């Protein structure tokens, strides 16, 4: 997985004033740290320790459950992305992006199939995007 290429793809799909959320960040902050140099980035995870660690690295973060999201956290989101989320998160990510009218980019773990999202290949990295 090439974090720079993933960040480049996300940057190419954003305006400079976008508020961007990485949902399900876990302890993998690589893409968020790159994007944070250029965009307003917020990381989200259900694990408080992951968010505490993100904050110690200079990222803004919220503890939240994507299956029961606190919509006010995402009200200003222009783009939501997730890196290698479990397949069962796809539907919740899609619903959240629709509700807050944000773009959605998912970098899948493997080549899981989803009907709602469009498959895109960029410099060898595969993404699902909301059409």
C-alpha atoms as a PDB file:
ATOM      1  CA  UNK A   1       0.000   0.000   0.000  1.00  0.00           C
ATOM      2  CA  UNK A   2       1.430   3.347  -1.071  1.00  0.00           C
ATOM      3  CA  UNK A   3       0.312   6.033   1.392  1.00  0.00           C
ATOM      4  CA  UNK A   4       1.644   8.886  -0.753  1.00  0.00           C
ATOM      5  CA  UNK A   5      -0.399   7.743  -3.766  1.00  0.00           C
ATOM      6  CA  UNK A   6      -3.510   7.341  -1.612  1.00  0.00           C
ATOM      7  CA  UNK A   7      -3.042  10.851  -0.215  1.00  0.00           C
ATOM      8  CA  UNK A   8      -2.405  12.222  -3.711  1.00  0.00           C
ATOM      9  CA  UNK A   9      -5.646  10.690  -4.992  1.00  0.00           C
ATOM     10  CA  UNK A  10      -7.608  12.190  -2.093  1.00  0.00           C
ATOM     11  CA  UNK A  11      -5.958  15.593  -2.603  1.00  0.00           C
ATOM     12  CA  UNK A  12      -6.865  15.457  -6.294  1.00  0.00           C
ATOM     13  CA  UNK A  13     -10.507  15.029  -5.285  1.00  0.00           C
ATOM     14  CA  UNK A  14     -10.591  17.943  -2.828  1.00  0.00           C
ATOM     15  CA  UNK A  15     -10.678  21.698  -2.815  1.00  0.00           C
ATOM     16  CA  UNK A  16      -8.239  23.469  -0.494  1.00  0.00           C
ATOM     17  CA  UNK A  17     -11.042  24.508   1.868  1.00  0.00           C
ATOM     18  CA  UNK A  18     -12.459  20.974   2.264  1.00  0.00           C
ATOM     19  CA  UNK A  19     -13.022  19.469   5.671  1.00  0.00           C
ATOM     20  CA  UNK A  20     -11.945  15.833   5.394  1.00  0.00           C
ATOM     21  CA  UNK A  21     -12.707  12.942   7.749  1.00  0.00           C
ATOM     22  CA  UNK A  22     -10.861   9.628   7.944  1.00  0.00           C
ATOM     23  CA  UNK A  23     -13.274   7.151   9.513  1.00  0.00           C
ATOM     24  CA  UNK A  24     -11.895   4.016  11.154  1.00  0.00           C
ATOM     25  CA  UNK A  25      -8.360   5.356  11.398  1.00  0.00           C
ATOM     26  CA  UNK A  26      -7.232   2.835  14.023  1.00  0.00           C
ATOM     27  CA  UNK A  27      -3.523   3.322  14.675  1.00  0.00           C
ATOM     28  CA  UNK A  28      -2.617   3.917  11.014  1.00  0.00           C
ATOM     29  CA  UNK A  29      -2.197   7.682  10.682  1.00  0.00           C
ATOM     30  CA  UNK A  30       0.029   7.762   7.584  1.00  0.00           C
ATOM     31  CA  UNK A  31      -2.493   9.170   5.102  1.00  0.00           C
ATOM     32  CA  UNK A  32      -4.034  11.591   7.611  1.00  0.00           C
ATOM     33  CA  UNK A  33      -0.605  12.980   8.526  1.00  0.00           C
ATOM     34  CA  UNK A  34       0.185  13.643   4.854  1.00  0.00           C
ATOM     35  CA  UNK A  35      -3.210  15.233   4.178  1.00  0.00           C
ATOM     36  CA  UNK A  36      -3.063  17.295   7.357  1.00  0.00           C
ATOM     37  CA  UNK A  37      -0.294  19.388   5.753  1.00  0.00           C
ATOM     38  CA  UNK A  38      -2.759  20.588   3.090  1.00  0.00           C
ATOM     39  CA  UNK A  39      -6.306  20.114   4.389  1.00  0.00           C
ATOM     40  CA  UNK A  40      -8.468  20.337   7.473  1.00  0.00           C
ATOM     41  CA  UNK A  41      -8.400  16.665   8.552  1.00  0.00           C
ATOM     42  CA  UNK A  42     -10.291  14.973  11.371  1.00  0.00           C
ATOM     43  CA  UNK A  43      -9.701  11.320  12.229  1.00  0.00           C
ATOM     44  CA  UNK A  44     -12.471   9.194  13.721  1.00  0.00           C
ATOM     45  CA  UNK A  45     -12.392   5.819  15.430  1.00  0.00           C
ATOM     46  CA  UNK A  46     -14.377   3.906  18.030  1.00  0.00           C
ATOM     47  CA  UNK A  47     -11.150   3.294  19.975  1.00  0.00           C
ATOM     48  CA  UNK A  48     -10.371   6.177  22.360  1.00  0.00           C
ATOM     49  CA  UNK A  49      -6.703   5.143  22.606  1.00  0.00           C
ATOM     50  CA  UNK A  50      -6.355   5.473  18.824  1.00  0.00           C
ATOM     51  CA  UNK A  51      -7.803   8.981  18.947  1.00  0.00           C
ATOM     52  CA  UNK A  52      -5.633   9.966  21.916  1.00  0.00           C
ATOM     53  CA  UNK A  53      -2.570   8.810  19.970  1.00  0.00           C
ATOM     54  CA  UNK A  54      -3.715  10.722  16.861  1.00  0.00           C
ATOM     55  CA  UNK A  55      -4.062  13.885  18.945  1.00  0.00           C
ATOM     56  CA  UNK A  56      -0.546  13.395  20.327  1.00  0.00           C
ATOM     57  CA  UNK A  57       0.656  13.414  16.695  1.00  0.00           C
ATOM     58  CA  UNK A  58      -1.062  16.735  16.011  1.00  0.00           C
ATOM     59  CA  UNK A  59      -4.236  15.420  14.394  1.00  0.00           C
ATOM     60  CA  UNK A  60      -7.751  16.408  15.383  1.00  0.00           C
ATOM     61  CA  UNK A  61      -9.961  13.483  16.277  1.00  0.00           C
ATOM     62  CA  UNK A  62     -13.286  12.230  17.576  1.00  0.00           C
ATOM     63  CA  UNK A  63     -14.332   8.965  19.156  1.00  0.00           C
ATOM     64  CA  UNK A  64     -17.393   7.748  17.258  1.00  0.00           C
ATOM     65  CA  UNK A  65     -19.127   4.574  16.111  1.00  0.00           C
ATOM     66  CA  UNK A  66     -19.779   4.541  12.354  1.00  0.00           C
ATOM     67  CA  UNK A  67     -22.706   2.164  12.913  1.00  0.00           C
ATOM     68  CA  UNK A  68     -24.401   4.802  15.082  1.00  0.00           C
ATOM     69  CA  UNK A  69     -22.660   8.047  14.103  1.00  0.00           C
ATOM     70  CA  UNK A  70     -23.023  11.365  15.879  1.00  0.00           C
ATOM     71  CA  UNK A  71     -24.092  13.314  12.807  1.00  0.00           C
ATOM     72  CA  UNK A  72     -23.121  16.687  14.273  1.00  0.00           C
ATOM     73  CA  UNK A  73     -19.446  15.624  14.098  1.00  0.00           C
ATOM     74  CA  UNK A  74     -19.710  15.270  10.319  1.00  0.00           C
ATOM     75  CA  UNK A  75     -22.011  18.197   9.495  1.00  0.00           C
ATOM     76  CA  UNK A  76     -19.224  20.184   7.798  1.00  0.00           C
ATOM     77  CA  UNK A  77     -17.606  17.198   6.034  1.00  0.00           C
ATOM     78  CA  UNK A  78     -16.866  17.655   2.356  1.00  0.00           C
ATOM     79  CA  UNK A  79     -15.116  14.311   1.966  1.00  0.00           C
ATOM     80  CA  UNK A  80     -15.104  11.123   4.021  1.00  0.00           C
ATOM     81  CA  UNK A  81     -12.521   8.439   3.411  1.00  0.00           C
ATOM     82  CA  UNK A  82     -11.580   5.146   4.982  1.00  0.00           C
ATOM     83  CA  UNK A  83      -8.446   3.034   4.540  1.00  0.00           C
ATOM     84  CA  UNK A  84      -8.994  -0.738   4.497  1.00  0.00           C
ATOM     85  CA  UNK A  85     -12.255  -0.795   6.458  1.00  0.00           C
ATOM     86  CA  UNK A  86     -14.058  -4.089   7.038  1.00  0.00           C
ATOM     87  CA  UNK A  87     -16.712  -4.783   4.415  1.00  0.00           C
ATOM     88  CA  UNK A  88     -19.489  -4.408   6.995  1.00  0.00           C
ATOM     89  CA  UNK A  89     -18.544  -0.708   7.372  1.00  0.00           C
ATOM     90  CA  UNK A  90     -19.138   0.131   3.694  1.00  0.00           C
ATOM     91  CA  UNK A  91     -22.889   0.570   4.005  1.00  0.00           C
ATOM     92  CA  UNK A  92     -22.586   2.819   7.062  1.00  0.00           C
ATOM     93  CA  UNK A  93     -19.907   4.928   5.380  1.00  0.00           C
ATOM     94  CA  UNK A  94     -22.112   5.267   2.295  1.00  0.00           C
ATOM     95  CA  UNK A  95     -25.158   6.266   4.367  1.00  0.00           C
ATOM     96  CA  UNK A  96     -23.160   8.811   6.352  1.00  0.00           C
ATOM     97  CA  UNK A  97     -21.692  10.407   3.213  1.00  0.00           C
ATOM     98  CA  UNK A  98     -25.169  10.624   1.678  1.00  0.00           C
ATOM     99  CA  UNK A  99     -26.685  12.189   4.803  1.00  0.00           C
ATOM    100  CA  UNK A 100     -24.018  14.904   5.108  1.00  0.00           C
ATOM    101  CA  UNK A 101     -23.667  15.319   1.327  1.00  0.00           C
ATOM    102  CA  UNK A 102     -19.945  14.481   1.289  1.00  0.00           C
ATOM    103  CA  UNK A 103     -17.787  12.684  -1.241  1.00  0.00           C
ATOM    104  CA  UNK A 104     -16.762   9.165  -0.204  1.00  0.00           C
ATOM    105  CA  UNK A 105     -13.501   7.351  -0.958  1.00  0.00           C
ATOM    106  CA  UNK A 106     -12.746   3.865   0.343  1.00  0.00           C
ATOM    107  CA  UNK A 107      -9.367   2.185  -0.109  1.00  0.00           C
ATOM    108  CA  UNK A 108     -10.475  -1.467   0.274  1.00  0.00           C
ATOM    109  CA  UNK A 109      -8.572  -4.171   2.094  1.00  0.00           C
ATOM    110  CA  UNK A 110      -8.837  -6.423  -0.950  1.00  0.00           C
ATOM    111  CA  UNK A 111     -11.136  -6.454  -3.933  1.00  0.00           C
ATOM    112  CA  UNK A 112     -14.390  -6.684  -2.023  1.00  0.00           C
ATOM    113  CA  UNK A 113     -17.426  -6.110  -4.209  1.00  0.00           C
ATOM    114  CA  UNK A 114     -20.016  -3.439  -3.579  1.00  0.00           C
ATOM    115  CA  UNK A 115     -22.882  -2.412  -5.840  1.00  0.00           C
ATOM    116  CA  UNK A 116     -23.284   1.132  -4.524  1.00  0.00           C
ATOM    117  CA  UNK A 117     -19.758   2.360  -5.204  1.00  0.00           C
ATOM    118  CA  UNK A 118     -17.686   2.739  -8.360  1.00  0.00           C
ATOM    119  CA  UNK A 119     -14.278   1.043  -8.633  1.00  0.00           C
ATOM    120  CA  UNK A 120     -11.350   3.309  -9.558  1.00  0.00           C
ATOM    121  CA  UNK A 121      -7.673   2.494 -10.140  1.00  0.00           C
ATOM    122  CA  UNK A 122      -5.121   5.259  -9.598  1.00  0.00           C
ATOM    123  CA  UNK A 123      -1.391   4.598  -9.986  1.00  0.00           C
ATOM    124  CA  UNK A 124      -1.827   0.993  -8.844  1.00  0.00           C
ATOM    125  CA  UNK A 125      -4.040   1.805  -5.852  1.00  0.00           C
ATOM    126  CA  UNK A 126      -7.673   0.723  -5.939  1.00  0.00           C
ATOM    127  CA  UNK A 127     -10.487   2.847  -4.553  1.00  0.00           C
ATOM    128  CA  UNK A 128     -14.234   2.754  -4.289  1.00  0.00           C
ATOM    129  CA  UNK A 129     -15.860   6.121  -4.804  1.00  0.00           C
ATOM    130  CA  UNK A 130     -19.435   7.273  -4.455  1.00  0.00           C
ATOM    131  CA  UNK A 131     -20.724   8.187  -7.930  1.00  0.00           C
END
